[in-house]
Structures are given as structure tokens and as C-alpha cells.
Amino acid sequence: MSTSSLVLFNKPYAVQSQFRDDSNNNHTTLSEYITDKSLRVAGRLDATSEGLLILTDDGRVNKAITHPPKANAGRKQGKTYLVQVEGIPTSEQLSKLQKGVILKDGKTLPAEIKHVSKDELPMPLWQRDPPIRERKSVPDSWLILTIYEGKNRQVRRMTAHVGLPCLRLIRWSVAGFELSDLAVGEFVRIHLDSERCKQLGITQ
């Protein structure tokens, strides 16, 4: 097997996770940042979400990252998000998110969740453009949430379900790959060694 590689991209707000704008709305796409059209997105982010987007030209890498545990030899590839929500979460709300909530397309798998202060986030945050809406009469909070599946707009739906509307959503890590100090709109190409391929369940 030739050496596999992937691209880690810090996707800005309002950028679609695709190279073509199929909506004819002149939305910003990946083509404004990345020219290698052989790459495919491994786990999309909706346009209003920010942070780590992984692209690869290796189908096995894509499958290892995007498929749920049962379709990936039981290996859980977690996705961790920094979630700014409206309100102060209660222990009951956090417990519901951790155990799983029932959405229209089924119950979510158990998740890992932690209520943190902004200073406790794993990275300094950039100023979003446009900035989030703020209501002086309503406080906001930050959560670090790790999920092991990929339902459509899952994190936003989960927090809304327990009464914590999502204000800002940043994906911090996927399958052990982290955003680290990658600036908004920047990307880096990573070559996968045998140990990383093994962790992803890929046989060389």
C-alpha cells in the first residue's frame, strides 16, 4: 500500500464542505482554499459550523473516519466539538446529553460531555465573522462534546432537545486528529504512518 495522506483544514464559518456550489447561491466553497480536486471530504460540516474538516483521496481512510462503529469493525472514531450554548446547563441536561437523547431519526449514542469556562477550552478562539448573536439578558456557556456517530446536524439538535440552543459550533477533533493551532482558512497535509493506519483500522 502506498503511503496514505490526508488534509486537515480549519473551515471558516459560511463555507460549504464541497468544491462546487450546487445551490446557485454563490456560497463560498472549498475551492477558494484548496485546489486539489482529487480530495473528498471525510465527514462534512454544515456551512454554519466551523473547525476541523478532513479531506482525503484514500477511500479506506474516508470509510474509517466516517462510518459508524458497527460498520468499522467496532472501532469508535470520536468527533469532539466546542459548543457555545444559550443558558447555563444543569446536571440533568448534561446527563441527558451523555446518555443519549431521542431525535426524529432515533436515539443518539452515549456521548462524552463537559461544561467548561471559555478559558478551559483546548485552544484560543478566533473572532467569528459575523459574530454570534448575543442577548444581554441570557447567559451563555461552553461545552466540550464528543459523539461517536454522524446524524445530520446532530450536535445542534442534541443541545436544542435539552433546552440549550447552540450559538456557535466548532469541531476540534476527529478520530484523534486535532485542530491544534491551525489558523482559520489554513490547511496542512499529513502522511499516515503504519501506527496511525492501524488505529484507523486500515491494513497496509
C-alpha atoms as a PDB file:
ATOM      1  CA  MET A   1       0.000   0.000   0.000  1.00  0.00           C
ATOM      2  CA  SER A   2       1.338   3.433  -0.873  1.00  0.00           C
ATOM      3  CA  THR A   3       1.599   5.979   1.920  1.00  0.00           C
ATOM      4  CA  SER A   4      -1.809   7.425   2.701  1.00  0.00           C
ATOM      5  CA  SER A   5      -2.254  11.087   3.462  1.00  0.00           C
ATOM      6  CA  LEU A   6      -4.993  13.418   4.450  1.00  0.00           C
ATOM      7  CA  VAL A   7      -5.589  17.141   4.718  1.00  0.00           C
ATOM      8  CA  LEU A   8      -6.645  18.889   7.913  1.00  0.00           C
ATOM      9  CA  PHE A   9      -8.497  22.136   7.152  1.00  0.00           C
ATOM     10  CA  ASN A  10      -9.819  24.749   9.561  1.00  0.00           C
ATOM     11  CA  LYS A  11     -13.097  25.513   7.826  1.00  0.00           C
ATOM     12  CA  PRO A  12     -14.353  29.062   8.314  1.00  0.00           C
ATOM     13  CA  TYR A  13     -17.962  29.951   9.036  1.00  0.00           C
ATOM     14  CA  ALA A  14     -20.240  30.125   5.938  1.00  0.00           C
ATOM     15  CA  VAL A  15     -18.025  27.866   3.807  1.00  0.00           C
ATOM     16  CA  GLN A  16     -19.645  24.769   2.302  1.00  0.00           C
ATOM     17  CA  SER A  17     -17.983  21.364   2.738  1.00  0.00           C
ATOM     18  CA  GLN A  18     -17.753  20.813  -1.025  1.00  0.00           C
ATOM     19  CA  PHE A  19     -15.900  22.128  -4.052  1.00  0.00           C
ATOM     20  CA  ARG A  20     -18.933  23.081  -6.151  1.00  0.00           C
ATOM     21  CA  ASP A  21     -21.806  25.371  -5.246  1.00  0.00           C
ATOM     22  CA  ASP A  22     -24.831  23.308  -6.261  1.00  0.00           C
ATOM     23  CA  SER A  23     -27.273  25.779  -4.741  1.00  0.00           C
ATOM     24  CA  ASN A  24     -26.560  28.602  -7.213  1.00  0.00           C
ATOM     25  CA  ASN A  25     -26.430  30.988  -4.270  1.00  0.00           C
ATOM     26  CA  ASN A  26     -22.793  31.951  -4.805  1.00  0.00           C
ATOM     27  CA  HIS A  27     -21.805  30.430  -1.483  1.00  0.00           C
ATOM     28  CA  THR A  28     -18.115  30.130  -0.621  1.00  0.00           C
ATOM     29  CA  THR A  29     -16.791  26.624  -1.245  1.00  0.00           C
ATOM     30  CA  LEU A  30     -13.626  24.645  -0.546  1.00  0.00           C
ATOM     31  CA  SER A  31     -12.295  25.546  -3.993  1.00  0.00           C
ATOM     32  CA  GLU A  32     -11.390  29.001  -2.667  1.00  0.00           C
ATOM     33  CA  TYR A  33      -8.967  27.402  -0.222  1.00  0.00           C
ATOM     34  CA  ILE A  34      -7.908  24.013  -1.638  1.00  0.00           C
ATOM     35  CA  THR A  35      -7.036  23.318  -5.284  1.00  0.00           C
ATOM     36  CA  ASP A  36      -6.581  19.519  -5.159  1.00  0.00           C
ATOM     37  CA  LYS A  37      -9.921  18.298  -6.508  1.00  0.00           C
ATOM     38  CA  SER A  38      -8.957  14.633  -6.008  1.00  0.00           C
ATOM     39  CA  LEU A  39      -9.695  15.082  -2.305  1.00  0.00           C
ATOM     40  CA  ARG A  40     -13.007  14.070  -0.785  1.00  0.00           C
ATOM     41  CA  VAL A  41     -14.477  15.268   2.491  1.00  0.00           C
ATOM     42  CA  ALA A  42     -14.428  12.672   5.278  1.00  0.00           C
ATOM     43  CA  GLY A  43     -17.265  13.856   7.485  1.00  0.00           C
ATOM     44  CA  ARG A  44     -18.981  17.057   6.408  1.00  0.00           C
ATOM     45  CA  LEU A  45     -19.573  20.190   8.433  1.00  0.00           C
ATOM     46  CA  ASP A  46     -22.592  22.321   7.631  1.00  0.00           C
ATOM     47  CA  ALA A  47     -21.921  25.848   6.411  1.00  0.00           C
ATOM     48  CA  THR A  48     -22.742  27.450   9.762  1.00  0.00           C
ATOM     49  CA  SER A  49     -20.280  25.235  11.666  1.00  0.00           C
ATOM     50  CA  GLU A  50     -16.558  25.872  11.927  1.00  0.00           C
ATOM     51  CA  GLY A  51     -13.375  23.977  12.570  1.00  0.00           C
ATOM     52  CA  LEU A  52     -11.729  20.709  11.608  1.00  0.00           C
ATOM     53  CA  LEU A  53     -12.603  19.288   8.205  1.00  0.00           C
ATOM     54  CA  ILE A  54     -10.691  16.239   6.982  1.00  0.00           C
ATOM     55  CA  LEU A  55     -10.172  15.541   3.286  1.00  0.00           C
ATOM     56  CA  THR A  56      -8.508  12.516   1.709  1.00  0.00           C
ATOM     57  CA  ASP A  57      -8.088  10.811  -1.657  1.00  0.00           C
ATOM     58  CA  ASP A  58      -7.956   7.362   0.004  1.00  0.00           C
ATOM     59  CA  GLY A  59     -11.334   5.649   0.192  1.00  0.00           C
ATOM     60  CA  ARG A  60     -10.222   3.433   3.074  1.00  0.00           C
ATOM     61  CA  VAL A  61      -9.284   6.455   5.164  1.00  0.00           C
ATOM     62  CA  ASN A  62     -12.609   8.083   4.338  1.00  0.00           C
ATOM     63  CA  LYS A  63     -14.525   4.970   5.381  1.00  0.00           C
ATOM     64  CA  ALA A  64     -12.547   4.526   8.597  1.00  0.00           C
ATOM     65  CA  ILE A  65     -13.331   8.077   9.666  1.00  0.00           C
ATOM     66  CA  THR A  66     -16.944   8.445   8.556  1.00  0.00           C
ATOM     67  CA  HIS A  67     -18.597   5.075   9.123  1.00  0.00           C
ATOM     68  CA  PRO A  68     -20.328   4.339  12.432  1.00  0.00           C
ATOM     69  CA  PRO A  69     -18.775   1.772  14.788  1.00  0.00           C
ATOM     70  CA  LYS A  70     -20.731  -1.286  13.578  1.00  0.00           C
ATOM     71  CA  ALA A  71     -19.550  -0.742  10.008  1.00  0.00           C
ATOM     72  CA  ASN A  72     -15.950  -0.195  11.092  1.00  0.00           C
ATOM     73  CA  ALA A  73     -15.028  -3.400  12.920  1.00  0.00           C
ATOM     74  CA  GLY A  74     -16.286  -1.945  16.175  1.00  0.00           C
ATOM     75  CA  ARG A  75     -13.772   0.891  16.241  1.00  0.00           C
ATOM     76  CA  LYS A  76     -15.197   4.139  17.577  1.00  0.00           C
ATOM     77  CA  GLN A  77     -13.904   7.238  15.807  1.00  0.00           C
ATOM     78  CA  GLY A  78     -14.971  10.084  18.035  1.00  0.00           C
ATOM     79  CA  LYS A  79     -15.651  13.655  16.952  1.00  0.00           C
ATOM     80  CA  THR A  80     -15.182  16.380  19.558  1.00  0.00           C
ATOM     81  CA  TYR A  81     -16.902  19.740  19.357  1.00  0.00           C
ATOM     82  CA  LEU A  82     -16.590  23.008  21.238  1.00  0.00           C
ATOM     83  CA  VAL A  83     -20.197  24.104  21.655  1.00  0.00           C
ATOM     84  CA  GLN A  84     -21.365  27.525  22.771  1.00  0.00           C
ATOM     85  CA  VAL A  85     -24.932  27.316  24.003  1.00  0.00           C
ATOM     86  CA  GLU A  86     -27.522  29.729  25.290  1.00  0.00           C
ATOM     87  CA  GLY A  87     -28.135  29.290  29.001  1.00  0.00           C
ATOM     88  CA  ILE A  88     -26.332  27.582  31.882  1.00  0.00           C
ATOM     89  CA  PRO A  89     -26.550  23.763  31.659  1.00  0.00           C
ATOM     90  CA  THR A  90     -27.921  21.845  34.612  1.00  0.00           C
ATOM     91  CA  SER A  91     -26.612  18.472  35.722  1.00  0.00           C
ATOM     92  CA  GLU A  92     -29.843  16.950  34.403  1.00  0.00           C
ATOM     93  CA  GLN A  93     -29.330  18.434  30.935  1.00  0.00           C
ATOM     94  CA  LEU A  94     -25.711  17.246  30.844  1.00  0.00           C
ATOM     95  CA  SER A  95     -26.777  13.766  31.950  1.00  0.00           C
ATOM     96  CA  LYS A  96     -29.356  13.536  29.165  1.00  0.00           C
ATOM     97  CA  LEU A  97     -26.760  14.523  26.548  1.00  0.00           C
ATOM     98  CA  GLN A  98     -24.315  11.988  27.961  1.00  0.00           C
ATOM     99  CA  LYS A  99     -26.793   9.106  27.999  1.00  0.00           C
ATOM    100  CA  GLY A 100     -28.316   9.925  24.592  1.00  0.00           C
ATOM    101  CA  VAL A 101     -31.434  11.778  23.534  1.00  0.00           C
ATOM    102  CA  ILE A 102     -34.237  10.694  21.236  1.00  0.00           C
ATOM    103  CA  LEU A 103     -34.293  12.651  17.980  1.00  0.00           C
ATOM    104  CA  LYS A 104     -36.576  12.182  14.983  1.00  0.00           C
ATOM    105  CA  ASP A 105     -34.106   9.741  13.412  1.00  0.00           C
ATOM    106  CA  GLY A 106     -33.522   7.734  16.566  1.00  0.00           C
ATOM    107  CA  LYS A 107     -31.725   7.849  19.892  1.00  0.00           C
ATOM    108  CA  THR A 108     -28.174   9.157  19.902  1.00  0.00           C
ATOM    109  CA  LEU A 109     -25.349   7.010  21.201  1.00  0.00           C
ATOM    110  CA  PRO A 110     -23.873   7.792  24.623  1.00  0.00           C
ATOM    111  CA  ALA A 111     -21.630  10.856  24.423  1.00  0.00           C
ATOM    112  CA  GLU A 112     -18.902  12.444  26.490  1.00  0.00           C
ATOM    113  CA  ILE A 113     -19.647  15.946  27.723  1.00  0.00           C
ATOM    114  CA  LYS A 114     -18.051  18.546  29.946  1.00  0.00           C
ATOM    115  CA  HIS A 115     -19.195  22.023  30.938  1.00  0.00           C
ATOM    116  CA  VAL A 116     -16.180  24.355  30.839  1.00  0.00           C
ATOM    117  CA  SER A 117     -15.321  28.017  31.037  1.00  0.00           C
ATOM    118  CA  LYS A 118     -14.035  29.756  27.922  1.00  0.00           C
ATOM    119  CA  ASP A 119     -10.549  29.759  29.457  1.00  0.00           C
ATOM    120  CA  GLU A 120     -10.674  25.964  29.765  1.00  0.00           C
ATOM    121  CA  LEU A 121     -11.204  25.365  26.046  1.00  0.00           C
ATOM    122  CA  PRO A 122      -8.296  23.486  24.387  1.00  0.00           C
ATOM    123  CA  MET A 123      -7.472  26.390  22.078  1.00  0.00           C
ATOM    124  CA  PRO A 124      -7.843  30.174  21.895  1.00  0.00           C
ATOM    125  CA  LEU A 125     -10.859  31.092  19.784  1.00  0.00           C
ATOM    126  CA  TRP A 126     -10.852  33.379  16.772  1.00  0.00           C
ATOM    127  CA  GLN A 127     -13.412  36.110  16.180  1.00  0.00           C
ATOM    128  CA  ARG A 128     -16.230  34.729  14.073  1.00  0.00           C
ATOM    129  CA  ASP A 129     -17.429  36.741  11.101  1.00  0.00           C
ATOM    130  CA  PRO A 130     -20.252  37.539  11.528  1.00  0.00           C
ATOM    131  CA  PRO A 131     -20.183  37.417  15.345  1.00  0.00           C
ATOM    132  CA  ILE A 132     -22.761  35.341  17.184  1.00  0.00           C
ATOM    133  CA  ARG A 133     -25.987  36.949  18.301  1.00  0.00           C
ATOM    134  CA  GLU A 134     -25.898  37.979  21.935  1.00  0.00           C
ATOM    135  CA  ARG A 135     -28.691  38.680  24.381  1.00  0.00           C
ATOM    136  CA  LYS A 136     -27.532  40.524  27.471  1.00  0.00           C
ATOM    137  CA  SER A 137     -30.400  39.087  29.489  1.00  0.00           C
ATOM    138  CA  VAL A 138     -29.436  35.469  28.690  1.00  0.00           C
ATOM    139  CA  PRO A 139     -26.059  33.995  29.716  1.00  0.00           C
ATOM    140  CA  ASP A 140     -24.145  31.568  27.512  1.00  0.00           C
ATOM    141  CA  SER A 141     -21.915  28.587  28.248  1.00  0.00           C
ATOM    142  CA  TRP A 142     -19.320  26.343  26.610  1.00  0.00           C
ATOM    143  CA  LEU A 143     -19.476  22.575  26.363  1.00  0.00           C
ATOM    144  CA  ILE A 144     -16.909  20.081  25.097  1.00  0.00           C
ATOM    145  CA  LEU A 145     -18.950  17.300  23.482  1.00  0.00           C
ATOM    146  CA  THR A 146     -17.678  14.081  21.901  1.00  0.00           C
ATOM    147  CA  ILE A 147     -20.005  11.944  19.789  1.00  0.00           C
ATOM    148  CA  TYR A 148     -19.432   8.613  18.038  1.00  0.00           C
ATOM    149  CA  GLU A 149     -21.845   8.852  15.131  1.00  0.00           C
ATOM    150  CA  GLY A 150     -22.831  11.365  12.485  1.00  0.00           C
ATOM    151  CA  LYS A 151     -26.524  12.145  12.305  1.00  0.00           C
ATOM    152  CA  ASN A 152     -27.383  15.270  10.321  1.00  0.00           C
ATOM    153  CA  ARG A 153     -26.742  18.423  12.397  1.00  0.00           C
ATOM    154  CA  GLN A 154     -26.589  16.123  15.395  1.00  0.00           C
ATOM    155  CA  VAL A 155     -24.881  18.324  17.977  1.00  0.00           C
ATOM    156  CA  ARG A 156     -27.181  21.278  17.335  1.00  0.00           C
ATOM    157  CA  ARG A 157     -30.239  19.051  17.561  1.00  0.00           C
ATOM    158  CA  MET A 158     -28.996  17.370  20.746  1.00  0.00           C
ATOM    159  CA  THR A 159     -28.397  20.592  22.653  1.00  0.00           C
ATOM    160  CA  ALA A 160     -31.657  22.129  21.411  1.00  0.00           C
ATOM    161  CA  HIS A 161     -33.511  18.984  22.525  1.00  0.00           C
ATOM    162  CA  VAL A 162     -32.471  19.540  26.149  1.00  0.00           C
ATOM    163  CA  GLY A 163     -33.172  23.285  26.058  1.00  0.00           C
ATOM    164  CA  LEU A 164     -29.701  24.604  25.235  1.00  0.00           C
ATOM    165  CA  PRO A 165     -29.834  26.298  21.809  1.00  0.00           C
ATOM    166  CA  CYS A 166     -26.489  26.216  20.011  1.00  0.00           C
ATOM    167  CA  LEU A 167     -24.928  29.609  19.309  1.00  0.00           C
ATOM    168  CA  ARG A 168     -21.577  28.508  17.903  1.00  0.00           C
ATOM    169  CA  LEU A 169     -20.206  25.111  16.892  1.00  0.00           C
ATOM    170  CA  ILE A 170     -16.525  24.353  16.340  1.00  0.00           C
ATOM    171  CA  ARG A 171     -15.234  20.861  15.561  1.00  0.00           C
ATOM    172  CA  TRP A 172     -11.996  20.385  17.476  1.00  0.00           C
ATOM    173  CA  SER A 173     -11.001  16.800  16.660  1.00  0.00           C
ATOM    174  CA  VAL A 174     -11.908  13.808  14.516  1.00  0.00           C
ATOM    175  CA  ALA A 175     -10.589  10.261  15.031  1.00  0.00           C
ATOM    176  CA  GLY A 176      -7.619  11.550  17.011  1.00  0.00           C
ATOM    177  CA  PHE A 177      -6.702  14.353  14.597  1.00  0.00           C
ATOM    178  CA  GLU A 178      -6.893  17.772  16.243  1.00  0.00           C
ATOM    179  CA  LEU A 179      -7.289  21.317  15.008  1.00  0.00           C
ATOM    180  CA  SER A 180      -4.365  22.376  17.247  1.00  0.00           C
ATOM    181  CA  ASP A 181      -3.037  25.797  16.218  1.00  0.00           C
ATOM    182  CA  LEU A 182      -4.253  25.675  12.610  1.00  0.00           C
ATOM    183  CA  ALA A 183      -5.498  29.151  11.722  1.00  0.00           C
ATOM    184  CA  VAL A 184      -8.903  29.758  10.154  1.00  0.00           C
ATOM    185  CA  GLY A 185      -8.819  29.027   6.412  1.00  0.00           C
ATOM    186  CA  GLU A 186      -5.482  27.185   6.628  1.00  0.00           C
ATOM    187  CA  PHE A 187      -4.780  23.519   5.962  1.00  0.00           C
ATOM    188  CA  VAL A 188      -1.954  21.051   6.444  1.00  0.00           C
ATOM    189  CA  ARG A 189      -1.262  17.712   4.730  1.00  0.00           C
ATOM    190  CA  ILE A 190      -0.427  14.782   6.996  1.00  0.00           C
ATOM    191  CA  HIS A 191       1.110  11.472   5.907  1.00  0.00           C
ATOM    192  CA  LEU A 192      -0.177   8.451   7.791  1.00  0.00           C
ATOM    193  CA  ASP A 193       2.387   6.083   9.257  1.00  0.00           C
ATOM    194  CA  SER A 194       1.674   2.418   9.957  1.00  0.00           C
ATOM    195  CA  GLU A 195       0.693   3.067  13.573  1.00  0.00           C
ATOM    196  CA  ARG A 196      -1.895   5.679  12.631  1.00  0.00           C
ATOM    197  CA  CYS A 197      -3.287   3.433   9.892  1.00  0.00           C
ATOM    198  CA  LYS A 198      -3.589   0.636  12.462  1.00  0.00           C
ATOM    199  CA  GLN A 199      -5.503   2.952  14.813  1.00  0.00           C
ATOM    200  CA  LEU A 200      -7.899   3.754  11.970  1.00  0.00           C
ATOM    201  CA  GLY A 201      -8.321   0.060  11.160  1.00  0.00           C
ATOM    202  CA  ILE A 202      -6.537   0.300   7.798  1.00  0.00           C
ATOM    203  CA  THR A 203      -4.331  -2.600   6.718  1.00  0.00           C
ATOM    204  CA  GLN A 204      -1.202  -1.664   4.849  1.00  0.00           C
END
